Structure formats: structure tokens, C-alpha cells
Amino acid sequence: MNPVFPDFGALISSLGVHPAVFWALVALTALWVVAAKGYALWHAARNYQRYWFIALLIINTFGILEIIYVAWFRKDKKEGHTQSLFNTPEGPVSSPSV
């Protein structure tokens, strides 16, 4: 057995899980992580929470940190909608002329 490229089929089988089920779980986990991270990053960027955005972008926790942020730390949870550069009552804010 090559230590650099292990036999994943044998490893998965030794776990007692059918390889198709294992790869389906891996795919569902990856989909969940991307969805949770995207949703949390969107809220952090929209609310100008720079440090949360950086932490959420760098730290991978299978969606746990993202759920904590969305549930307890996003600004607009109870305060109503937060204004952003692209969502004002007057319409989109254009960039200043250079």
C-alpha cells in the first residue's frame, strides 16, 4: 500500500459504509458548508462587519461559526434592514466622479 495515496475504497469499506453513501454525505456536507458560508458572508458584508467577514472567510467549521453569526451577531436581526451602498431610498448610490 502506498502511504502517499492510500486506498480510499478500502478505508471507506472499513468504516462499514457503502462508498456511494459516503460520497453522497461528503457532497451534502460540502453543499451545506457553501450555503451557510455564503449566507453569513452576505450578511457580514451587507452590514459592514469587516472582522466577522474576514473570520467567516478564513475559518472553516462545517457551518458552525456561520450559524452562530447569523443567529446571534448579525446587526439587522431585530433592528430592521440596514442601509447599504446599493440599497437606499433614493436608489443606488453612484461612485464619485474621479
PDB file of N, CA and C in Angstrom:
ATOM      1  N   MET A   1       0.843  -1.179   0.000  1.00  0.00           N
ATOM      2  CA  MET A   1       0.000   0.000   0.000  1.00  0.00           C
ATOM      3  C   MET A   1       0.885   1.238   0.000  1.00  0.00           C
ATOM      4  N   ASN A   2       0.581   2.158  -0.863  1.00  0.00           N
ATOM      5  CA  ASN A   2       1.335   3.389  -0.982  1.00  0.00           C
ATOM      6  C   ASN A   2       0.898   4.361   0.111  1.00  0.00           C
ATOM      7  N   PRO A   3       1.800   4.813   1.004  1.00  0.00           N
ATOM      8  CA  PRO A   3       1.389   5.698   2.111  1.00  0.00           C
ATOM      9  C   PRO A   3       0.976   7.092   1.638  1.00  0.00           C
ATOM     10  N   VAL A   4       1.435   7.508   0.463  1.00  0.00           N
ATOM     11  CA  VAL A   4       1.088   8.832  -0.044  1.00  0.00           C
ATOM     12  C   VAL A   4      -0.323   8.831  -0.622  1.00  0.00           C
ATOM     13  N   PHE A   5      -0.689   7.802  -1.342  1.00  0.00           N
ATOM     14  CA  PHE A   5      -2.013   7.672  -1.945  1.00  0.00           C
ATOM     15  C   PHE A   5      -2.697   6.429  -1.393  1.00  0.00           C
ATOM     16  N   PRO A   6      -3.357   6.560  -0.234  1.00  0.00           N
ATOM     17  CA  PRO A   6      -3.980   5.370   0.360  1.00  0.00           C
ATOM     18  C   PRO A   6      -5.166   4.890  -0.468  1.00  0.00           C
ATOM     19  N   ASP A   7      -5.526   3.647  -0.255  1.00  0.00           N
ATOM     20  CA  ASP A   7      -6.669   3.053  -0.946  1.00  0.00           C
ATOM     21  C   ASP A   7      -7.943   3.522  -0.255  1.00  0.00           C
ATOM     22  N   PHE A   8      -8.578   4.580  -0.800  1.00  0.00           N
ATOM     23  CA  PHE A   8      -9.761   5.152  -0.173  1.00  0.00           C
ATOM     24  C   PHE A   8     -10.934   4.179  -0.160  1.00  0.00           C
ATOM     25  N   GLY A   9     -11.035   3.336  -1.162  1.00  0.00           N
ATOM     26  CA  GLY A   9     -12.112   2.349  -1.194  1.00  0.00           C
ATOM     27  C   GLY A   9     -12.049   1.415   0.007  1.00  0.00           C
ATOM     28  N   ALA A  10     -10.848   0.943   0.317  1.00  0.00           N
ATOM     29  CA  ALA A  10     -10.669   0.051   1.463  1.00  0.00           C
ATOM     30  C   ALA A  10     -10.914   0.804   2.769  1.00  0.00           C
ATOM     31  N   LEU A  11     -10.484   2.054   2.835  1.00  0.00           N
ATOM     32  CA  LEU A  11     -10.691   2.868   4.028  1.00  0.00           C
ATOM     33  C   LEU A  11     -12.180   3.098   4.276  1.00  0.00           C
ATOM     34  N   ILE A  12     -12.901   3.443   3.238  1.00  0.00           N
ATOM     35  CA  ILE A  12     -14.347   3.674   3.370  1.00  0.00           C
ATOM     36  C   ILE A  12     -15.056   2.381   3.742  1.00  0.00           C
ATOM     37  N   SER A  13     -14.681   1.288   3.115  1.00  0.00           N
ATOM     38  CA  SER A  13     -15.297  -0.005   3.423  1.00  0.00           C
ATOM     39  C   SER A  13     -15.027  -0.425   4.863  1.00  0.00           C
ATOM     40  N   SER A  14     -13.846  -0.085   5.383  1.00  0.00           N
ATOM     41  CA  SER A  14     -13.522  -0.454   6.764  1.00  0.00           C
ATOM     42  C   SER A  14     -14.383   0.326   7.763  1.00  0.00           C
ATOM     43  N   LEU A  15     -14.956   1.438   7.341  1.00  0.00           N
ATOM     44  CA  LEU A  15     -15.866   2.195   8.196  1.00  0.00           C
ATOM     45  C   LEU A  15     -17.259   1.577   8.249  1.00  0.00           C
ATOM     46  N   GLY A  16     -17.504   0.625   7.389  1.00  0.00           N
ATOM     47  CA  GLY A  16     -18.799  -0.039   7.361  1.00  0.00           C
ATOM     48  C   GLY A  16     -19.858   0.743   6.602  1.00  0.00           C
ATOM     49  N   VAL A  17     -19.415   1.640   5.731  1.00  0.00           N
ATOM     50  CA  VAL A  17     -20.328   2.478   4.958  1.00  0.00           C
ATOM     51  C   VAL A  17     -20.119   2.174   3.479  1.00  0.00           C
ATOM     52  N   HIS A  18     -21.202   2.088   2.745  1.00  0.00           N
ATOM     53  CA  HIS A  18     -21.103   1.876   1.303  1.00  0.00           C
ATOM     54  C   HIS A  18     -20.470   3.121   0.681  1.00  0.00           C
ATOM     55  N   PRO A  19     -19.538   2.942  -0.262  1.00  0.00           N
ATOM     56  CA  PRO A  19     -18.862   4.100  -0.858  1.00  0.00           C
ATOM     57  C   PRO A  19     -19.812   5.138  -1.458  1.00  0.00           C
ATOM     58  N   ALA A  20     -20.907   4.703  -2.059  1.00  0.00           N
ATOM     59  CA  ALA A  20     -21.863   5.663  -2.635  1.00  0.00           C
ATOM     60  C   ALA A  20     -22.494   6.529  -1.553  1.00  0.00           C
ATOM     61  N   VAL A  21     -22.813   5.922  -0.407  1.00  0.00           N
ATOM     62  CA  VAL A  21     -23.394   6.679   0.711  1.00  0.00           C
ATOM     63  C   VAL A  21     -22.365   7.654   1.265  1.00  0.00           C
ATOM     64  N   PHE A  22     -21.121   7.198   1.382  1.00  0.00           N
ATOM     65  CA  PHE A  22     -20.059   8.057   1.890  1.00  0.00           C
ATOM     66  C   PHE A  22     -19.889   9.290   1.015  1.00  0.00           C
ATOM     67  N   TRP A  23     -19.791   9.098  -0.299  1.00  0.00           N
ATOM     68  CA  TRP A  23     -19.586  10.233  -1.200  1.00  0.00           C
ATOM     69  C   TRP A  23     -20.812  11.134  -1.269  1.00  0.00           C
ATOM     70  N   ALA A  24     -21.997  10.568  -1.102  1.00  0.00           N
ATOM     71  CA  ALA A  24     -23.207  11.397  -1.050  1.00  0.00           C
ATOM     72  C   ALA A  24     -23.180  12.280   0.200  1.00  0.00           C
ATOM     73  N   LEU A  25     -22.736  11.723   1.329  1.00  0.00           N
ATOM     74  CA  LEU A  25     -22.619  12.523   2.553  1.00  0.00           C
ATOM     75  C   LEU A  25     -21.561  13.612   2.418  1.00  0.00           C
ATOM     76  N   VAL A  26     -20.469  13.298   1.756  1.00  0.00           N
ATOM     77  CA  VAL A  26     -19.430  14.299   1.521  1.00  0.00           C
ATOM     78  C   VAL A  26     -19.979  15.427   0.653  1.00  0.00           C
ATOM     79  N   ALA A  27     -20.722  15.086  -0.394  1.00  0.00           N
ATOM     80  CA  ALA A  27     -21.297  16.097  -1.283  1.00  0.00           C
ATOM     81  C   ALA A  27     -22.319  16.957  -0.548  1.00  0.00           C
ATOM     82  N   LEU A  28     -23.186  16.340   0.257  1.00  0.00           N
ATOM     83  CA  LEU A  28     -24.178  17.111   1.017  1.00  0.00           C
ATOM     84  C   LEU A  28     -23.514  18.033   2.038  1.00  0.00           C
ATOM     85  N   THR A  29     -22.458  17.554   2.678  1.00  0.00           N
ATOM     86  CA  THR A  29     -21.725  18.383   3.636  1.00  0.00           C
ATOM     87  C   THR A  29     -21.094  19.578   2.931  1.00  0.00           C
ATOM     88  N   ALA A  30     -20.487  19.348   1.779  1.00  0.00           N
ATOM     89  CA  ALA A  30     -19.879  20.446   1.025  1.00  0.00           C
ATOM     90  C   ALA A  30     -20.925  21.461   0.596  1.00  0.00           C
ATOM     91  N   LEU A  31     -22.083  20.988   0.158  1.00  0.00           N
ATOM     92  CA  LEU A  31     -23.169  21.896  -0.228  1.00  0.00           C
ATOM     93  C   LEU A  31     -23.641  22.722   0.962  1.00  0.00           C
ATOM     94  N   TRP A  32     -23.799  22.079   2.109  1.00  0.00           N
ATOM     95  CA  TRP A  32     -24.226  22.776   3.330  1.00  0.00           C
ATOM     96  C   TRP A  32     -23.220  23.857   3.718  1.00  0.00           C
ATOM     97  N   VAL A  33     -21.932  23.524   3.682  1.00  0.00           N
ATOM     98  CA  VAL A  33     -20.890  24.468   4.079  1.00  0.00           C
ATOM     99  C   VAL A  33     -20.891  25.684   3.152  1.00  0.00           C
ATOM    100  N   VAL A  34     -20.993  25.465   1.857  1.00  0.00           N
ATOM    101  CA  VAL A  34     -21.000  26.579   0.901  1.00  0.00           C
ATOM    102  C   VAL A  34     -22.231  27.462   1.112  1.00  0.00           C
ATOM    103  N   ALA A  35     -23.384  26.861   1.327  1.00  0.00           N
ATOM    104  CA  ALA A  35     -24.608  27.643   1.531  1.00  0.00           C
ATOM    105  C   ALA A  35     -24.544  28.456   2.823  1.00  0.00           C
ATOM    106  N   ALA A  36     -24.125  27.847   3.918  1.00  0.00           N
ATOM    107  CA  ALA A  36     -24.039  28.550   5.199  1.00  0.00           C
ATOM    108  C   ALA A  36     -23.007  29.663   5.139  1.00  0.00           C
ATOM    109  N   LYS A  37     -21.851  29.386   4.547  1.00  0.00           N
ATOM    110  CA  LYS A  37     -20.798  30.389   4.448  1.00  0.00           C
ATOM    111  C   LYS A  37     -21.238  31.543   3.558  1.00  0.00           C
ATOM    112  N   GLY A  38     -21.869  31.263   2.449  1.00  0.00           N
ATOM    113  CA  GLY A  38     -22.335  32.325   1.562  1.00  0.00           C
ATOM    114  C   GLY A  38     -23.362  33.218   2.223  1.00  0.00           C
ATOM    115  N   TYR A  39     -24.308  32.627   2.929  1.00  0.00           N
ATOM    116  CA  TYR A  39     -25.356  33.392   3.608  1.00  0.00           C
ATOM    117  C   TYR A  39     -24.766  34.282   4.700  1.00  0.00           C
ATOM    118  N   ALA A  40     -23.866  33.732   5.500  1.00  0.00           N
ATOM    119  CA  ALA A  40     -23.244  34.502   6.583  1.00  0.00           C
ATOM    120  C   ALA A  40     -22.335  35.598   6.026  1.00  0.00           C
ATOM    121  N   LEU A  41     -21.558  35.296   4.995  1.00  0.00           N
ATOM    122  CA  LEU A  41     -20.694  36.309   4.390  1.00  0.00           C
ATOM    123  C   LEU A  41     -21.513  37.444   3.790  1.00  0.00           C
ATOM    124  N   TRP A  42     -22.636  37.112   3.193  1.00  0.00           N
ATOM    125  CA  TRP A  42     -23.515  38.123   2.601  1.00  0.00           C
ATOM    126  C   TRP A  42     -24.007  39.096   3.673  1.00  0.00           C
ATOM    127  N   HIS A  43     -24.445  38.550   4.804  1.00  0.00           N
ATOM    128  CA  HIS A  43     -24.916  39.414   5.894  1.00  0.00           C
ATOM    129  C   HIS A  43     -23.778  40.250   6.470  1.00  0.00           C
ATOM    130  N   ALA A  44     -22.614  39.661   6.667  1.00  0.00           N
ATOM    131  CA  ALA A  44     -21.483  40.405   7.226  1.00  0.00           C
ATOM    132  C   ALA A  44     -21.054  41.537   6.296  1.00  0.00           C
ATOM    133  N   ALA A  45     -21.016  41.282   5.010  1.00  0.00           N
ATOM    134  CA  ALA A  45     -20.630  42.322   4.052  1.00  0.00           C
ATOM    135  C   ALA A  45     -21.693  43.412   3.984  1.00  0.00           C
ATOM    136  N   ARG A  46     -22.944  43.034   3.976  1.00  0.00           N
ATOM    137  CA  ARG A  46     -24.038  43.998   3.882  1.00  0.00           C
ATOM    138  C   ARG A  46     -24.087  44.905   5.100  1.00  0.00           C
ATOM    139  N   ASN A  47     -23.669  44.406   6.249  1.00  0.00           N
ATOM    140  CA  ASN A  47     -23.700  45.179   7.487  1.00  0.00           C
ATOM    141  C   ASN A  47     -22.350  45.793   7.837  1.00  0.00           C
ATOM    142  N   TYR A  48     -21.407  45.773   6.897  1.00  0.00           N
ATOM    143  CA  TYR A  48     -20.084  46.367   7.098  1.00  0.00           C
ATOM    144  C   TYR A  48     -19.365  45.809   8.331  1.00  0.00           C
ATOM    145  N   GLN A  49     -19.522  44.552   8.602  1.00  0.00           N
ATOM    146  CA  GLN A  49     -18.846  43.906   9.728  1.00  0.00           C
ATOM    147  C   GLN A  49     -17.571  43.236   9.203  1.00  0.00           C
ATOM    148  N   ARG A  50     -16.553  44.067   9.054  1.00  0.00           N
ATOM    149  CA  ARG A  50     -15.314  43.639   8.415  1.00  0.00           C
ATOM    150  C   ARG A  50     -14.664  42.465   9.133  1.00  0.00           C
ATOM    151  N   TYR A  51     -14.558  42.502  10.452  1.00  0.00           N
ATOM    152  CA  TYR A  51     -13.862  41.432  11.177  1.00  0.00           C
ATOM    153  C   TYR A  51     -14.630  40.119  11.119  1.00  0.00           C
ATOM    154  N   TRP A  52     -15.946  40.189  11.180  1.00  0.00           N
ATOM    155  CA  TRP A  52     -16.745  38.968  11.017  1.00  0.00           C
ATOM    156  C   TRP A  52     -16.556  38.413   9.612  1.00  0.00           C
ATOM    157  N   PHE A  53     -16.543  39.267   8.604  1.00  0.00           N
ATOM    158  CA  PHE A  53     -16.371  38.807   7.226  1.00  0.00           C
ATOM    159  C   PHE A  53     -15.050  38.062   7.080  1.00  0.00           C
ATOM    160  N   ILE A  54     -13.975  38.642   7.603  1.00  0.00           N
ATOM    161  CA  ILE A  54     -12.657  38.000   7.494  1.00  0.00           C
ATOM    162  C   ILE A  54     -12.638  36.666   8.244  1.00  0.00           C
ATOM    163  N   ALA A  55     -13.203  36.647   9.460  1.00  0.00           N
ATOM    164  CA  ALA A  55     -13.224  35.398  10.237  1.00  0.00           C
ATOM    165  C   ALA A  55     -14.037  34.324   9.529  1.00  0.00           C
ATOM    166  N   LEU A  56     -15.201  34.706   9.017  1.00  0.00           N
ATOM    167  CA  LEU A  56     -16.050  33.727   8.326  1.00  0.00           C
ATOM    168  C   LEU A  56     -15.397  33.225   7.046  1.00  0.00           C
ATOM    169  N   LEU A  57     -14.647  34.088   6.381  1.00  0.00           N
ATOM    170  CA  LEU A  57     -13.988  33.701   5.136  1.00  0.00           C
ATOM    171  C   LEU A  57     -12.845  32.723   5.378  1.00  0.00           C
ATOM    172  N   ILE A  58     -12.115  32.919   6.472  1.00  0.00           N
ATOM    173  CA  ILE A  58     -10.901  32.127   6.719  1.00  0.00           C
ATOM    174  C   ILE A  58     -11.171  30.853   7.506  1.00  0.00           C
ATOM    175  N   ILE A  59     -12.028  30.933   8.532  1.00  0.00           N
ATOM    176  CA  ILE A  59     -12.223  29.795   9.436  1.00  0.00           C
ATOM    177  C   ILE A  59     -13.273  28.846   8.869  1.00  0.00           C
ATOM    178  N   ASN A  60     -12.911  27.582   8.742  1.00  0.00           N
ATOM    179  CA  ASN A  60     -13.835  26.558   8.251  1.00  0.00           C
ATOM    180  C   ASN A  60     -14.264  25.667   9.405  1.00  0.00           C
ATOM    181  N   THR A  61     -15.568  25.679   9.722  1.00  0.00           N
ATOM    182  CA  THR A  61     -16.080  24.919  10.863  1.00  0.00           C
ATOM    183  C   THR A  61     -17.318  24.108  10.494  1.00  0.00           C
ATOM    184  N   PHE A  62     -17.458  23.699   9.245  1.00  0.00           N
ATOM    185  CA  PHE A  62     -18.614  22.948   8.785  1.00  0.00           C
ATOM    186  C   PHE A  62     -19.921  23.697   9.018  1.00  0.00           C
ATOM    187  N   GLY A  63     -19.866  25.033   8.964  1.00  0.00           N
ATOM    188  CA  GLY A  63     -21.072  25.836   9.100  1.00  0.00           C
ATOM    189  C   GLY A  63     -21.416  26.249  10.513  1.00  0.00           C
ATOM    190  N   ILE A  64     -20.656  25.786  11.509  1.00  0.00           N
ATOM    191  CA  ILE A  64     -20.986  26.088  12.908  1.00  0.00           C
ATOM    192  C   ILE A  64     -20.785  27.573  13.203  1.00  0.00           C
ATOM    193  N   LEU A  65     -19.637  28.146  12.829  1.00  0.00           N
ATOM    194  CA  LEU A  65     -19.389  29.567  13.063  1.00  0.00           C
ATOM    195  C   LEU A  65     -20.393  30.419  12.290  1.00  0.00           C
ATOM    196  N   GLU A  66     -20.746  30.000  11.089  1.00  0.00           N
ATOM    197  CA  GLU A  66     -21.710  30.745  10.284  1.00  0.00           C
ATOM    198  C   GLU A  66     -23.086  30.778  10.944  1.00  0.00           C
ATOM    199  N   ILE A  67     -23.506  29.648  11.511  1.00  0.00           N
ATOM    200  CA  ILE A  67     -24.797  29.590  12.200  1.00  0.00           C
ATOM    201  C   ILE A  67     -24.770  30.490  13.437  1.00  0.00           C
ATOM    202  N   ILE A  68     -23.663  30.460  14.185  1.00  0.00           N
ATOM    203  CA  ILE A  68     -23.541  31.316  15.369  1.00  0.00           C
ATOM    204  C   ILE A  68     -23.640  32.779  14.969  1.00  0.00           C
ATOM    205  N   TYR A  69     -22.958  33.172  13.904  1.00  0.00           N
ATOM    206  CA  TYR A  69     -23.001  34.565  13.460  1.00  0.00           C
ATOM    207  C   TYR A  69     -24.419  34.974  13.051  1.00  0.00           C
ATOM    208  N   VAL A  70     -25.049  34.180  12.205  1.00  0.00           N
ATOM    209  CA  VAL A  70     -26.385  34.537  11.707  1.00  0.00           C
ATOM    210  C   VAL A  70     -27.398  34.552  12.853  1.00  0.00           C
ATOM    211  N   ALA A  71     -27.292  33.638  13.784  1.00  0.00           N
ATOM    212  CA  ALA A  71     -28.270  33.548  14.865  1.00  0.00           C
ATOM    213  C   ALA A  71     -28.102  34.647  15.912  1.00  0.00           C
ATOM    214  N   TRP A  72     -26.854  35.052  16.223  1.00  0.00           N
ATOM    215  CA  TRP A  72     -26.664  35.950  17.363  1.00  0.00           C
ATOM    216  C   TRP A  72     -25.953  37.265  17.079  1.00  0.00           C
ATOM    217  N   PHE A  73     -25.162  37.363  16.013  1.00  0.00           N
ATOM    218  CA  PHE A  73     -24.309  38.533  15.868  1.00  0.00           C
ATOM    219  C   PHE A  73     -24.608  39.436  14.678  1.00  0.00           C
ATOM    220  N   ARG A  74     -25.466  39.051  13.761  1.00  0.00           N
ATOM    221  CA  ARG A  74     -25.722  39.954  12.647  1.00  0.00           C
ATOM    222  C   ARG A  74     -26.531  41.140  13.145  1.00  0.00           C
ATOM    223  N   LYS A  75     -26.218  42.311  12.653  1.00  0.00           N
ATOM    224  CA  LYS A  75     -26.790  43.549  13.158  1.00  0.00           C
ATOM    225  C   LYS A  75     -28.276  43.695  12.864  1.00  0.00           C
ATOM    226  N   ASP A  76     -28.706  43.291  11.701  1.00  0.00           N
ATOM    227  CA  ASP A  76     -30.070  43.596  11.271  1.00  0.00           C
ATOM    228  C   ASP A  76     -31.105  42.573  11.720  1.00  0.00           C
ATOM    229  N   LYS A  77     -30.746  41.697  12.654  1.00  0.00           N
ATOM    230  CA  LYS A  77     -31.677  40.651  13.082  1.00  0.00           C
ATOM    231  C   LYS A  77     -32.954  41.234  13.669  1.00  0.00           C
ATOM    232  N   LYS A  78     -32.859  42.216  14.579  1.00  0.00           N
ATOM    233  CA  LYS A  78     -34.031  42.778  15.236  1.00  0.00           C
ATOM    234  C   LYS A  78     -34.213  44.263  14.943  1.00  0.00           C
ATOM    235  N   GLU A  79     -33.232  44.892  14.334  1.00  0.00           N
ATOM    236  CA  GLU A  79     -33.262  46.326  14.133  1.00  0.00           C
ATOM    237  C   GLU A  79     -33.861  46.741  12.799  1.00  0.00           C
ATOM    238  N   GLY A  80     -34.353  45.838  12.015  1.00  0.00           N
ATOM    239  CA  GLY A  80     -34.836  46.190  10.689  1.00  0.00           C
ATOM    240  C   GLY A  80     -33.687  46.134   9.703  1.00  0.00           C
ATOM    241  N   HIS A  81     -33.960  46.530   8.483  1.00  0.00           N
ATOM    242  CA  HIS A  81     -32.965  46.444   7.416  1.00  0.00           C
ATOM    243  C   HIS A  81     -31.890  47.505   7.578  1.00  0.00           C
ATOM    244  N   THR A  82     -30.650  47.126   7.403  1.00  0.00           N
ATOM    245  CA  THR A  82     -29.532  48.045   7.466  1.00  0.00           C
ATOM    246  C   THR A  82     -29.285  48.628   6.078  1.00  0.00           C
ATOM    247  N   GLN A  83     -29.124  49.935   5.991  1.00  0.00           N
ATOM    248  CA  GLN A  83     -28.852  50.572   4.712  1.00  0.00           C
ATOM    249  C   GLN A  83     -27.478  50.151   4.211  1.00  0.00           C
ATOM    250  N   SER A  84     -27.348  49.993   2.923  1.00  0.00           N
ATOM    251  CA  SER A  84     -26.064  49.699   2.329  1.00  0.00           C
ATOM    252  C   SER A  84     -25.828  50.664   1.184  1.00  0.00           C
ATOM    253  N   LEU A  85     -24.673  50.597   0.588  1.00  0.00           N
ATOM    254  CA  LEU A  85     -24.361  51.494  -0.519  1.00  0.00           C
ATOM    255  C   LEU A  85     -25.294  51.293  -1.703  1.00  0.00           C
ATOM    256  N   PHE A  86     -25.816  50.103  -1.871  1.00  0.00           N
ATOM    257  CA  PHE A  86     -26.609  49.799  -3.044  1.00  0.00           C
ATOM    258  C   PHE A  86     -28.100  49.734  -2.768  1.00  0.00           C
ATOM    259  N   ASN A  87     -28.521  49.999  -1.551  1.00  0.00           N
ATOM    260  CA  ASN A  87     -29.936  49.902  -1.226  1.00  0.00           C
ATOM    261  C   ASN A  87     -30.334  51.108  -0.378  1.00  0.00           C
ATOM    262  N   THR A  88     -30.610  52.219  -1.022  1.00  0.00           N
ATOM    263  CA  THR A  88     -31.029  53.430  -0.331  1.00  0.00           C
ATOM    264  C   THR A  88     -32.402  53.823  -0.834  1.00  0.00           C
ATOM    265  N   PRO A  89     -33.146  54.612  -0.079  1.00  0.00           N
ATOM    266  CA  PRO A  89     -34.471  55.032  -0.549  1.00  0.00           C
ATOM    267  C   PRO A  89     -34.416  55.794  -1.870  1.00  0.00           C
ATOM    268  N   GLU A  90     -33.304  56.489  -2.132  1.00  0.00           N
ATOM    269  CA  GLU A  90     -33.174  57.259  -3.368  1.00  0.00           C
ATOM    270  C   GLU A  90     -32.702  56.416  -4.542  1.00  0.00           C
ATOM    271  N   GLY A  91     -32.379  55.183  -4.308  1.00  0.00           N
ATOM    272  CA  GLY A  91     -31.863  54.320  -5.369  1.00  0.00           C
ATOM    273  C   GLY A  91     -30.389  54.041  -5.128  1.00  0.00           C
ATOM    274  N   PRO A  92     -29.750  53.367  -6.070  1.00  0.00           N
ATOM    275  CA  PRO A  92     -28.336  53.021  -5.912  1.00  0.00           C
ATOM    276  C   PRO A  92     -27.472  54.264  -5.829  1.00  0.00           C
ATOM    277  N   VAL A  93     -26.463  54.211  -4.970  1.00  0.00           N
ATOM    278  CA  VAL A  93     -25.511  55.306  -4.853  1.00  0.00           C
ATOM    279  C   VAL A  93     -24.454  55.115  -5.924  1.00  0.00           C
ATOM    280  N   SER A  94     -24.234  56.133  -6.724  1.00  0.00           N
ATOM    281  CA  SER A  94     -23.216  56.015  -7.765  1.00  0.00           C
ATOM    282  C   SER A  94     -21.867  56.377  -7.174  1.00  0.00           C
ATOM    283  N   SER A  95     -20.828  55.888  -7.796  1.00  0.00           N
ATOM    284  CA  SER A  95     -19.480  56.187  -7.309  1.00  0.00           C
ATOM    285  C   SER A  95     -19.136  57.633  -7.646  1.00  0.00           C
ATOM    286  N   PRO A  96     -18.331  58.260  -6.801  1.00  0.00           N
ATOM    287  CA  PRO A  96     -17.978  59.658  -7.068  1.00  0.00           C
ATOM    288  C   PRO A  96     -17.150  59.773  -8.337  1.00  0.00           C
ATOM    289  N   SER A  97     -17.297  60.900  -9.003  1.00  0.00           N
ATOM    290  CA  SER A  97     -16.529  61.131 -10.222  1.00  0.00           C
ATOM    291  C   SER A  97     -15.070  61.331  -9.889  1.00  0.00           C
ATOM    292  N   VAL A  98     -14.228  60.798 -10.733  1.00  0.00           N
ATOM    293  CA  VAL A  98     -12.789  60.925 -10.487  1.00  0.00           C
ATOM    294  C   VAL A  98     -12.228  62.033 -11.313  1.00  0.00           C
TER     295      VAL A  98
END
